[in-house]
């Protein structure tokens, strides 16, 4: 199952995060590259995509922890080991400057 989300910095579309069969891809939006600032020190502005076999630590760090994570997992019916699913389900209104909005694939 390929899933993806839009990444926002201060309500401006910064890029896209996707889950594939091989891992995860983060790519900055071309318009954001012209006038944006990096979403993290680990993601300097560049036109090339970033790739990782596991969810990037920066995005995993946006997730709730402890009992809050357990509650979200139960309420949203998302396995607590499904970090990307939890990111899409919980980080549309994160504390801080970065948020994640799921891109719904309509079939």
PDB file of N, CA and C in Angstrom:
ATOM      1  N   UNK A   1       0.845  -1.169   0.000  1.00  0.00           N
ATOM      2  CA  UNK A   1       0.000   0.000   0.000  1.00  0.00           C
ATOM      3  C   UNK A   1       0.899   1.243   0.000  1.00  0.00           C
ATOM      4  N   UNK A   2       0.760   2.082  -1.010  1.00  0.00           N
ATOM      5  CA  UNK A   2       1.499   3.340  -1.065  1.00  0.00           C
ATOM      6  C   UNK A   2       0.626   4.435  -0.469  1.00  0.00           C
ATOM      7  N   UNK A   3       1.180   5.141   0.506  1.00  0.00           N
ATOM      8  CA  UNK A   3       0.467   6.245   1.147  1.00  0.00           C
ATOM      9  C   UNK A   3       1.342   7.479   1.054  1.00  0.00           C
ATOM     10  N   UNK A   4       0.703   8.640   1.111  1.00  0.00           N
ATOM     11  CA  UNK A   4       1.485   9.861   1.039  1.00  0.00           C
ATOM     12  C   UNK A   4       0.788  11.005   1.761  1.00  0.00           C
ATOM     13  N   UNK A   5       1.584  12.012   2.066  1.00  0.00           N
ATOM     14  CA  UNK A   5       1.065  13.183   2.750  1.00  0.00           C
ATOM     15  C   UNK A   5       1.755  14.446   2.288  1.00  0.00           C
ATOM     16  N   UNK A   6       1.032  15.546   2.434  1.00  0.00           N
ATOM     17  CA  UNK A   6       1.599  16.852   2.165  1.00  0.00           C
ATOM     18  C   UNK A   6       2.236  17.364   3.445  1.00  0.00           C
ATOM     19  N   UNK A   7       3.403  17.948   3.334  1.00  0.00           N
ATOM     20  CA  UNK A   7       4.121  18.484   4.485  1.00  0.00           C
ATOM     21  C   UNK A   7       4.011  20.007   4.432  1.00  0.00           C
ATOM     22  N   UNK A   8       3.558  20.590   5.523  1.00  0.00           N
ATOM     23  CA  UNK A   8       3.381  22.036   5.607  1.00  0.00           C
ATOM     24  C   UNK A   8       4.324  22.617   6.662  1.00  0.00           C
ATOM     25  N   UNK A   9       4.840  23.791   6.357  1.00  0.00           N
ATOM     26  CA  UNK A   9       5.628  24.561   7.312  1.00  0.00           C
ATOM     27  C   UNK A   9       4.912  25.900   7.469  1.00  0.00           C
ATOM     28  N   UNK A  10       4.428  26.170   8.674  1.00  0.00           N
ATOM     29  CA  UNK A  10       3.656  27.398   8.923  1.00  0.00           C
ATOM     30  C   UNK A  10       2.546  27.554   7.887  1.00  0.00           C
ATOM     31  N   UNK A  11       1.794  26.509   7.644  1.00  0.00           N
ATOM     32  CA  UNK A  11       0.652  26.508   6.725  1.00  0.00           C
ATOM     33  C   UNK A  11       1.012  26.727   5.258  1.00  0.00           C
ATOM     34  N   UNK A  12       2.296  26.654   4.912  1.00  0.00           N
ATOM     35  CA  UNK A  12       2.709  26.729   3.510  1.00  0.00           C
ATOM     36  C   UNK A  12       3.144  25.335   3.073  1.00  0.00           C
ATOM     37  N   UNK A  13       2.661  24.897   1.915  1.00  0.00           N
ATOM     38  CA  UNK A  13       3.049  23.588   1.401  1.00  0.00           C
ATOM     39  C   UNK A  13       4.549  23.565   1.179  1.00  0.00           C
ATOM     40  N   UNK A  14       5.230  22.679   1.918  1.00  0.00           N
ATOM     41  CA  UNK A  14       6.688  22.578   1.829  1.00  0.00           C
ATOM     42  C   UNK A  14       7.129  21.404   0.956  1.00  0.00           C
ATOM     43  N   UNK A  15       6.366  20.318   0.972  1.00  0.00           N
ATOM     44  CA  UNK A  15       6.783  19.150   0.207  1.00  0.00           C
ATOM     45  C   UNK A  15       5.847  17.989   0.390  1.00  0.00           C
ATOM     46  N   UNK A  16       6.348  16.824   0.015  1.00  0.00           N
ATOM     47  CA  UNK A  16       5.536  15.614   0.006  1.00  0.00           C
ATOM     48  C   UNK A  16       6.331  14.457   0.605  1.00  0.00           C
ATOM     49  N   UNK A  17       5.659  13.660   1.410  1.00  0.00           N
ATOM     50  CA  UNK A  17       6.264  12.476   2.017  1.00  0.00           C
ATOM     51  C   UNK A  17       5.469  11.273   1.554  1.00  0.00           C
ATOM     52  N   UNK A  18       6.160  10.277   1.016  1.00  0.00           N
ATOM     53  CA  UNK A  18       5.494   9.088   0.488  1.00  0.00           C
ATOM     54  C   UNK A  18       6.101   7.821   1.065  1.00  0.00           C
ATOM     55  N   UNK A  19       5.241   6.828   1.221  1.00  0.00           N
ATOM     56  CA  UNK A  19       5.665   5.493   1.632  1.00  0.00           C
ATOM     57  C   UNK A  19       5.553   4.600   0.404  1.00  0.00           C
ATOM     58  N   UNK A  20       6.623   3.879   0.100  1.00  0.00           N
ATOM     59  CA  UNK A  20       6.615   2.949  -1.026  1.00  0.00           C
ATOM     60  C   UNK A  20       6.997   1.564  -0.520  1.00  0.00           C
ATOM     61  N   UNK A  21       7.024   0.608  -1.392  1.00  0.00           N
ATOM     62  CA  UNK A  21       7.441  -0.733  -1.020  1.00  0.00           C
ATOM     63  C   UNK A  21       8.908  -0.804  -0.616  1.00  0.00           C
ATOM     64  N   UNK A  22       9.705   0.169  -1.037  1.00  0.00           N
ATOM     65  CA  UNK A  22      11.139   0.179  -0.737  1.00  0.00           C
ATOM     66  C   UNK A  22      11.502   1.060   0.448  1.00  0.00           C
ATOM     67  N   UNK A  23      10.599   1.938   0.864  1.00  0.00           N
ATOM     68  CA  UNK A  23      10.914   2.837   1.967  1.00  0.00           C
ATOM     69  C   UNK A  23      10.115   4.125   1.883  1.00  0.00           C
ATOM     70  N   UNK A  24      10.775   5.242   2.202  1.00  0.00           N
ATOM     71  CA  UNK A  24      10.107   6.536   2.301  1.00  0.00           C
ATOM     72  C   UNK A  24      10.838   7.579   1.472  1.00  0.00           C
ATOM     73  N   UNK A  25      10.072   8.472   0.868  1.00  0.00           N
ATOM     74  CA  UNK A  25      10.625   9.526   0.040  1.00  0.00           C
ATOM     75  C   UNK A  25      10.061  10.861   0.518  1.00  0.00           C
ATOM     76  N   UNK A  26      10.960  11.826   0.736  1.00  0.00           N
ATOM     77  CA  UNK A  26      10.539  13.199   0.995  1.00  0.00           C
ATOM     78  C   UNK A  26      11.079  14.065  -0.119  1.00  0.00           C
ATOM     79  N   UNK A  27      10.211  14.913  -0.681  1.00  0.00           N
ATOM     80  CA  UNK A  27      10.627  15.828  -1.749  1.00  0.00           C
ATOM     81  C   UNK A  27       9.994  17.184  -1.492  1.00  0.00           C
ATOM     82  N   UNK A  28      10.826  18.223  -1.568  1.00  0.00           N
ATOM     83  CA  UNK A  28      10.322  19.581  -1.431  1.00  0.00           C
ATOM     84  C   UNK A  28       9.462  19.959  -2.640  1.00  0.00           C
ATOM     85  N   UNK A  29       8.439  20.748  -2.402  1.00  0.00           N
ATOM     86  CA  UNK A  29       7.627  21.327  -3.458  1.00  0.00           C
ATOM     87  C   UNK A  29       8.479  22.358  -4.212  1.00  0.00           C
ATOM     88  N   UNK A  30       8.381  22.384  -5.536  1.00  0.00           N
ATOM     89  CA  UNK A  30       9.205  23.289  -6.342  1.00  0.00           C
ATOM     90  C   UNK A  30       8.967  24.755  -5.992  1.00  0.00           C
ATOM     91  N   UNK A  31       7.739  25.147  -5.735  1.00  0.00           N
ATOM     92  CA  UNK A  31       7.455  26.540  -5.363  1.00  0.00           C
ATOM     93  C   UNK A  31       8.063  26.887  -4.012  1.00  0.00           C
ATOM     94  N   UNK A  32       8.037  25.939  -3.081  1.00  0.00           N
ATOM     95  CA  UNK A  32       8.611  26.173  -1.761  1.00  0.00           C
ATOM     96  C   UNK A  32      10.123  26.360  -1.846  1.00  0.00           C
ATOM     97  N   UNK A  33      10.766  25.634  -2.751  1.00  0.00           N
ATOM     98  CA  UNK A  33      12.222  25.745  -2.910  1.00  0.00           C
ATOM     99  C   UNK A  33      12.660  27.158  -3.264  1.00  0.00           C
ATOM    100  N   UNK A  34      11.810  27.897  -3.953  1.00  0.00           N
ATOM    101  CA  UNK A  34      12.168  29.249  -4.404  1.00  0.00           C
ATOM    102  C   UNK A  34      12.281  30.233  -3.240  1.00  0.00           C
ATOM    103  N   UNK A  35      11.411  30.100  -2.226  1.00  0.00           N
ATOM    104  CA  UNK A  35      11.356  31.099  -1.156  1.00  0.00           C
ATOM    105  C   UNK A  35      11.294  30.510   0.241  1.00  0.00           C
ATOM    106  N   UNK A  36      11.387  29.200   0.357  1.00  0.00           N
ATOM    107  CA  UNK A  36      11.211  28.558   1.651  1.00  0.00           C
ATOM    108  C   UNK A  36      12.489  28.472   2.465  1.00  0.00           C
ATOM    109  N   UNK A  37      12.314  27.936   3.658  1.00  0.00           N
ATOM    110  CA  UNK A  37      13.438  27.608   4.523  1.00  0.00           C
ATOM    111  C   UNK A  37      13.331  26.116   4.815  1.00  0.00           C
ATOM    112  N   UNK A  38      14.420  25.450   5.129  1.00  0.00           N
ATOM    113  CA  UNK A  38      14.349  24.008   5.390  1.00  0.00           C
ATOM    114  C   UNK A  38      13.380  23.687   6.536  1.00  0.00           C
ATOM    115  N   UNK A  39      12.691  22.565   6.427  1.00  0.00           N
ATOM    116  CA  UNK A  39      11.795  22.138   7.507  1.00  0.00           C
ATOM    117  C   UNK A  39      12.594  21.612   8.688  1.00  0.00           C
ATOM    118  N   UNK A  40      13.858  21.262   8.429  1.00  0.00           N
ATOM    119  CA  UNK A  40      14.728  20.691   9.451  1.00  0.00           C
ATOM    120  C   UNK A  40      16.176  20.795   8.977  1.00  0.00           C
ATOM    121  N   UNK A  41      17.110  20.778   9.919  1.00  0.00           N
ATOM    122  CA  UNK A  41      18.526  20.747   9.553  1.00  0.00           C
ATOM    123  C   UNK A  41      18.852  19.471   8.781  1.00  0.00           C
ATOM    124  N   UNK A  42      18.096  18.420   9.009  1.00  0.00           N
ATOM    125  CA  UNK A  42      18.354  17.150   8.329  1.00  0.00           C
ATOM    126  C   UNK A  42      17.793  17.128   6.912  1.00  0.00           C
ATOM    127  N   UNK A  43      17.032  18.159   6.533  1.00  0.00           N
ATOM    128  CA  UNK A  43      16.471  18.269   5.183  1.00  0.00           C
ATOM    129  C   UNK A  43      16.813  19.630   4.575  1.00  0.00           C
ATOM    130  N   UNK A  44      18.096  19.884   4.258  1.00  0.00           N
ATOM    131  CA  UNK A  44      18.436  21.146   3.597  1.00  0.00           C
ATOM    132  C   UNK A  44      17.648  21.270   2.285  1.00  0.00           C
ATOM    133  N   UNK A  45      17.380  22.494   1.878  1.00  0.00           N
ATOM    134  CA  UNK A  45      16.651  22.702   0.632  1.00  0.00           C
ATOM    135  C   UNK A  45      17.443  22.130  -0.540  1.00  0.00           C
ATOM    136  N   UNK A  46      16.767  21.322  -1.338  1.00  0.00           N
ATOM    137  CA  UNK A  46      17.356  20.792  -2.578  1.00  0.00           C
ATOM    138  C   UNK A  46      16.231  20.248  -3.447  1.00  0.00           C
ATOM    139  N   UNK A  47      16.465  20.186  -4.727  1.00  0.00           N
ATOM    140  CA  UNK A  47      15.423  19.710  -5.636  1.00  0.00           C
ATOM    141  C   UNK A  47      15.347  18.183  -5.684  1.00  0.00           C
ATOM    142  N   UNK A  48      16.428  17.498  -5.311  1.00  0.00           N
ATOM    143  CA  UNK A  48      16.426  16.033  -5.323  1.00  0.00           C
ATOM    144  C   UNK A  48      15.627  15.496  -4.136  1.00  0.00           C
ATOM    145  N   UNK A  49      15.070  14.321  -4.311  1.00  0.00           N
ATOM    146  CA  UNK A  49      14.321  13.659  -3.244  1.00  0.00           C
ATOM    147  C   UNK A  49      15.261  13.081  -2.200  1.00  0.00           C
ATOM    148  N   UNK A  50      14.754  12.967  -0.987  1.00  0.00           N
ATOM    149  CA  UNK A  50      15.436  12.254   0.096  1.00  0.00           C
ATOM    150  C   UNK A  50      14.803  10.873   0.174  1.00  0.00           C
ATOM    151  N   UNK A  51      15.611   9.849   0.435  1.00  0.00           N
ATOM    152  CA  UNK A  51      15.104   8.480   0.535  1.00  0.00           C
ATOM    153  C   UNK A  51      15.637   7.820   1.800  1.00  0.00           C
ATOM    154  N   UNK A  52      14.770   7.023   2.449  1.00  0.00           N
ATOM    155  CA  UNK A  52      15.188   6.240   3.612  1.00  0.00           C
ATOM    156  C   UNK A  52      14.402   4.936   3.629  1.00  0.00           C
ATOM    157  N   UNK A  53      15.057   3.865   4.036  1.00  0.00           N
ATOM    158  CA  UNK A  53      14.369   2.578   4.146  1.00  0.00           C
ATOM    159  C   UNK A  53      13.386   2.558   5.314  1.00  0.00           C
ATOM    160  N   UNK A  54      13.622   3.411   6.332  1.00  0.00           N
ATOM    161  CA  UNK A  54      12.686   3.520   7.453  1.00  0.00           C
ATOM    162  C   UNK A  54      12.206   4.960   7.533  1.00  0.00           C
ATOM    163  N   UNK A  55      11.125   5.175   8.265  1.00  0.00           N
ATOM    164  CA  UNK A  55      10.583   6.518   8.378  1.00  0.00           C
ATOM    165  C   UNK A  55      11.664   7.459   8.915  1.00  0.00           C
ATOM    166  N   UNK A  56      11.832   8.593   8.264  1.00  0.00           N
ATOM    167  CA  UNK A  56      12.848   9.568   8.671  1.00  0.00           C
ATOM    168  C   UNK A  56      12.649   9.928  10.142  1.00  0.00           C
ATOM    169  N   UNK A  57      13.734  10.017  10.869  1.00  0.00           N
ATOM    170  CA  UNK A  57      13.682  10.332  12.303  1.00  0.00           C
ATOM    171  C   UNK A  57      12.957  11.647  12.565  1.00  0.00           C
ATOM    172  N   UNK A  58      13.149  12.639  11.717  1.00  0.00           N
ATOM    173  CA  UNK A  58      12.480  13.922  11.904  1.00  0.00           C
ATOM    174  C   UNK A  58      10.969  13.746  11.970  1.00  0.00           C
ATOM    175  N   UNK A  59      10.408  12.979  11.035  1.00  0.00           N
ATOM    176  CA  UNK A  59       8.958  12.788  10.993  1.00  0.00           C
ATOM    177  C   UNK A  59       8.482  11.889  12.135  1.00  0.00           C
ATOM    178  N   UNK A  60       9.265  10.893  12.477  1.00  0.00           N
ATOM    179  CA  UNK A  60       8.909  10.040  13.613  1.00  0.00           C
ATOM    180  C   UNK A  60       8.876  10.862  14.901  1.00  0.00           C
ATOM    181  N   UNK A  61       9.736  11.864  14.987  1.00  0.00           N
ATOM    182  CA  UNK A  61       9.774  12.734  16.157  1.00  0.00           C
ATOM    183  C   UNK A  61       8.537  13.604  16.316  1.00  0.00           C
ATOM    184  N   UNK A  62       7.729  13.736  15.277  1.00  0.00           N
ATOM    185  CA  UNK A  62       6.492  14.508  15.366  1.00  0.00           C
ATOM    186  C   UNK A  62       5.370  13.732  16.056  1.00  0.00           C
ATOM    187  N   UNK A  63       5.532  12.426  16.170  1.00  0.00           N
ATOM    188  CA  UNK A  63       4.478  11.571  16.730  1.00  0.00           C
ATOM    189  C   UNK A  63       4.315  11.763  18.230  1.00  0.00           C
ATOM    190  N   UNK A  64       3.079  11.605  18.695  1.00  0.00           N
ATOM    191  CA  UNK A  64       2.873  11.595  20.148  1.00  0.00           C
ATOM    192  C   UNK A  64       3.577  10.389  20.747  1.00  0.00           C
ATOM    193  N   UNK A  65       3.791  10.434  22.059  1.00  0.00           N
ATOM    194  CA  UNK A  65       4.498   9.340  22.728  1.00  0.00           C
ATOM    195  C   UNK A  65       3.683   8.825  23.904  1.00  0.00           C
ATOM    196  N   UNK A  66       4.125   7.684  24.428  1.00  0.00           N
ATOM    197  CA  UNK A  66       3.564   7.136  25.662  1.00  0.00           C
ATOM    198  C   UNK A  66       2.075   6.874  25.588  1.00  0.00           C
ATOM    199  N   UNK A  67       1.380   7.251  26.665  1.00  0.00           N
ATOM    200  CA  UNK A  67      -0.049   6.963  26.754  1.00  0.00           C
ATOM    201  C   UNK A  67      -0.850   7.724  25.706  1.00  0.00           C
ATOM    202  N   UNK A  68      -0.355   8.895  25.277  1.00  0.00           N
ATOM    203  CA  UNK A  68      -1.054   9.645  24.232  1.00  0.00           C
ATOM    204  C   UNK A  68      -1.039   8.855  22.925  1.00  0.00           C
ATOM    205  N   UNK A  69       0.093   8.261  22.600  1.00  0.00           N
ATOM    206  CA  UNK A  69       0.199   7.436  21.408  1.00  0.00           C
ATOM    207  C   UNK A  69      -0.739   6.238  21.499  1.00  0.00           C
ATOM    208  N   UNK A  70      -0.801   5.617  22.664  1.00  0.00           N
ATOM    209  CA  UNK A  70      -1.702   4.477  22.856  1.00  0.00           C
ATOM    210  C   UNK A  70      -3.153   4.873  22.624  1.00  0.00           C
ATOM    211  N   UNK A  71      -3.545   6.031  23.130  1.00  0.00           N
ATOM    212  CA  UNK A  71      -4.930   6.493  22.957  1.00  0.00           C
ATOM    213  C   UNK A  71      -5.222   6.754  21.485  1.00  0.00           C
ATOM    214  N   UNK A  72      -4.327   7.488  20.813  1.00  0.00           N
ATOM    215  CA  UNK A  72      -4.527   7.748  19.377  1.00  0.00           C
ATOM    216  C   UNK A  72      -4.616   6.442  18.601  1.00  0.00           C
ATOM    217  N   UNK A  73      -3.751   5.500  18.911  1.00  0.00           N
ATOM    218  CA  UNK A  73      -3.731   4.217  18.222  1.00  0.00           C
ATOM    219  C   UNK A  73      -5.067   3.496  18.369  1.00  0.00           C
ATOM    220  N   UNK A  74      -5.615   3.494  19.579  1.00  0.00           N
ATOM    221  CA  UNK A  74      -6.902   2.823  19.824  1.00  0.00           C
ATOM    222  C   UNK A  74      -8.063   3.564  19.177  1.00  0.00           C
ATOM    223  N   UNK A  75      -8.102   4.880  19.352  1.00  0.00           N
ATOM    224  CA  UNK A  75      -9.214   5.670  18.820  1.00  0.00           C
ATOM    225  C   UNK A  75      -9.228   5.657  17.295  1.00  0.00           C
ATOM    226  N   UNK A  76      -8.066   5.794  16.687  1.00  0.00           N
ATOM    227  CA  UNK A  76      -7.981   5.835  15.226  1.00  0.00           C
ATOM    228  C   UNK A  76      -7.899   4.446  14.597  1.00  0.00           C
ATOM    229  N   UNK A  77      -7.790   3.425  15.447  1.00  0.00           N
ATOM    230  CA  UNK A  77      -7.676   2.034  14.985  1.00  0.00           C
ATOM    231  C   UNK A  77      -6.485   1.867  14.027  1.00  0.00           C
ATOM    232  N   UNK A  78      -5.342   2.401  14.482  1.00  0.00           N
ATOM    233  CA  UNK A  78      -4.088   2.291  13.744  1.00  0.00           C
ATOM    234  C   UNK A  78      -3.101   1.549  14.631  1.00  0.00           C
ATOM    235  N   UNK A  79      -2.495   0.509  14.099  1.00  0.00           N
ATOM    236  CA  UNK A  79      -1.503  -0.258  14.851  1.00  0.00           C
ATOM    237  C   UNK A  79      -0.418   0.680  15.361  1.00  0.00           C
ATOM    238  N   UNK A  80      -0.043   0.535  16.613  1.00  0.00           N
ATOM    239  CA  UNK A  80       0.964   1.418  17.206  1.00  0.00           C
ATOM    240  C   UNK A  80       2.333   1.271  16.539  1.00  0.00           C
ATOM    241  N   UNK A  81       2.547   0.201  15.788  1.00  0.00           N
ATOM    242  CA  UNK A  81       3.801   0.003  15.053  1.00  0.00           C
ATOM    243  C   UNK A  81       3.767   0.655  13.675  1.00  0.00           C
ATOM    244  N   UNK A  82       2.593   1.097  13.232  1.00  0.00           N
ATOM    245  CA  UNK A  82       2.434   1.736  11.928  1.00  0.00           C
ATOM    246  C   UNK A  82       2.723   3.229  12.077  1.00  0.00           C
ATOM    247  N   UNK A  83       3.995   3.572  12.129  1.00  0.00           N
ATOM    248  CA  UNK A  83       4.410   4.951  12.387  1.00  0.00           C
ATOM    249  C   UNK A  83       3.922   5.907  11.299  1.00  0.00           C
ATOM    250  N   UNK A  84       3.972   5.464  10.049  1.00  0.00           N
ATOM    251  CA  UNK A  84       3.525   6.341   8.972  1.00  0.00           C
ATOM    252  C   UNK A  84       2.014   6.566   9.047  1.00  0.00           C
ATOM    253  N   UNK A  85       1.263   5.519   9.329  1.00  0.00           N
ATOM    254  CA  UNK A  85      -0.177   5.669   9.495  1.00  0.00           C
ATOM    255  C   UNK A  85      -0.519   6.607  10.632  1.00  0.00           C
ATOM    256  N   UNK A  86       0.211   6.491  11.727  1.00  0.00           N
ATOM    257  CA  UNK A  86      -0.011   7.386  12.866  1.00  0.00           C
ATOM    258  C   UNK A  86       0.374   8.819  12.524  1.00  0.00           C
ATOM    259  N   UNK A  87       1.432   8.993  11.753  1.00  0.00           N
ATOM    260  CA  UNK A  87       1.839  10.329  11.322  1.00  0.00           C
ATOM    261  C   UNK A  87       0.719  10.977  10.512  1.00  0.00           C
ATOM    262  N   UNK A  88       0.171  10.225   9.556  1.00  0.00           N
ATOM    263  CA  UNK A  88      -0.915  10.750   8.730  1.00  0.00           C
ATOM    264  C   UNK A  88      -2.177  11.004   9.549  1.00  0.00           C
ATOM    265  N   UNK A  89      -2.412  10.164  10.556  1.00  0.00           N
ATOM    266  CA  UNK A  89      -3.629  10.274  11.349  1.00  0.00           C
ATOM    267  C   UNK A  89      -3.594  11.315  12.453  1.00  0.00           C
ATOM    268  N   UNK A  90      -2.403  11.678  12.913  1.00  0.00           N
ATOM    269  CA  UNK A  90      -2.324  12.550  14.096  1.00  0.00           C
ATOM    270  C   UNK A  90      -1.619  13.884  13.871  1.00  0.00           C
ATOM    271  N   UNK A  91      -0.870  14.015  12.807  1.00  0.00           N
ATOM    272  CA  UNK A  91      -0.002  15.192  12.688  1.00  0.00           C
ATOM    273  C   UNK A  91      -0.534  16.277  11.762  1.00  0.00           C
ATOM    274  N   UNK A  92      -1.829  16.269  11.515  1.00  0.00           N
ATOM    275  CA  UNK A  92      -2.394  17.353  10.714  1.00  0.00           C
ATOM    276  C   UNK A  92      -2.472  18.644  11.527  1.00  0.00           C
ATOM    277  N   UNK A  93      -2.338  18.524  12.844  1.00  0.00           N
ATOM    278  CA  UNK A  93      -2.363  19.696  13.720  1.00  0.00           C
ATOM    279  C   UNK A  93      -1.355  19.485  14.848  1.00  0.00           C
ATOM    280  N   UNK A  94      -0.091  19.302  14.462  1.00  0.00           N
ATOM    281  CA  UNK A  94       0.975  19.041  15.436  1.00  0.00           C
ATOM    282  C   UNK A  94       1.325  20.297  16.223  1.00  0.00           C
ATOM    283  N   UNK A  95       1.948  20.075  17.360  1.00  0.00           N
ATOM    284  CA  UNK A  95       2.574  21.177  18.075  1.00  0.00           C
ATOM    285  C   UNK A  95       3.824  21.529  17.281  1.00  0.00           C
ATOM    286  N   UNK A  96       4.016  22.794  17.004  1.00  0.00           N
ATOM    287  CA  UNK A  96       5.183  23.220  16.252  1.00  0.00           C
ATOM    288  C   UNK A  96       4.821  23.698  14.873  1.00  0.00           C
ATOM    289  N   UNK A  97       5.839  23.921  14.065  1.00  0.00           N
ATOM    290  CA  UNK A  97       5.664  24.566  12.763  1.00  0.00           C
ATOM    291  C   UNK A  97       5.299  23.609  11.637  1.00  0.00           C
ATOM    292  N   UNK A  98       5.588  22.320  11.793  1.00  0.00           N
ATOM    293  CA  UNK A  98       5.386  21.353  10.715  1.00  0.00           C
ATOM    294  C   UNK A  98       4.113  20.546  10.952  1.00  0.00           C
ATOM    295  N   UNK A  99       3.347  20.382   9.883  1.00  0.00           N
ATOM    296  CA  UNK A  99       2.157  19.531   9.958  1.00  0.00           C
ATOM    297  C   UNK A  99       2.119  18.621   8.727  1.00  0.00           C
ATOM    298  N   UNK A 100       1.335  17.556   8.832  1.00  0.00           N
ATOM    299  CA  UNK A 100       1.237  16.549   7.779  1.00  0.00           C
ATOM    300  C   UNK A 100      -0.240  16.327   7.478  1.00  0.00           C
ATOM    301  N   UNK A 101      -0.602  16.439   6.203  1.00  0.00           N
ATOM    302  CA  UNK A 101      -1.981  16.199   5.789  1.00  0.00           C
ATOM    303  C   UNK A 101      -2.002  15.058   4.788  1.00  0.00           C
ATOM    304  N   UNK A 102      -2.769  14.037   5.121  1.00  0.00           N
ATOM    305  CA  UNK A 102      -2.825  12.850   4.265  1.00  0.00           C
ATOM    306  C   UNK A 102      -3.392  13.197   2.891  1.00  0.00           C
ATOM    307  N   UNK A 103      -2.790  12.625   1.870  1.00  0.00           N
ATOM    308  CA  UNK A 103      -3.322  12.717   0.512  1.00  0.00           C
ATOM    309  C   UNK A 103      -4.152  11.472   0.309  1.00  0.00           C
ATOM    310  N   UNK A 104      -5.439  11.651   0.182  1.00  0.00           N
ATOM    311  CA  UNK A 104      -6.356  10.521  -0.001  1.00  0.00           C
ATOM    312  C   UNK A 104      -6.323  10.073  -1.455  1.00  0.00           C
ATOM    313  N   UNK A 105      -6.039   8.797  -1.647  1.00  0.00           N
ATOM    314  CA  UNK A 105      -6.071   8.225  -2.983  1.00  0.00           C
ATOM    315  C   UNK A 105      -7.481   7.760  -3.271  1.00  0.00           C
ATOM    316  N   UNK A 106      -8.121   8.413  -4.223  1.00  0.00           N
ATOM    317  CA  UNK A 106      -9.495   8.066  -4.556  1.00  0.00           C
ATOM    318  C   UNK A 106      -9.480   7.044  -5.673  1.00  0.00           C
ATOM    319  N   UNK A 107     -10.161   5.929  -5.434  1.00  0.00           N
ATOM    320  CA  UNK A 107     -10.208   4.884  -6.459  1.00  0.00           C
ATOM    321  C   UNK A 107     -11.618   4.600  -6.865  1.00  0.00           C
TER     322      UNK A 107
END
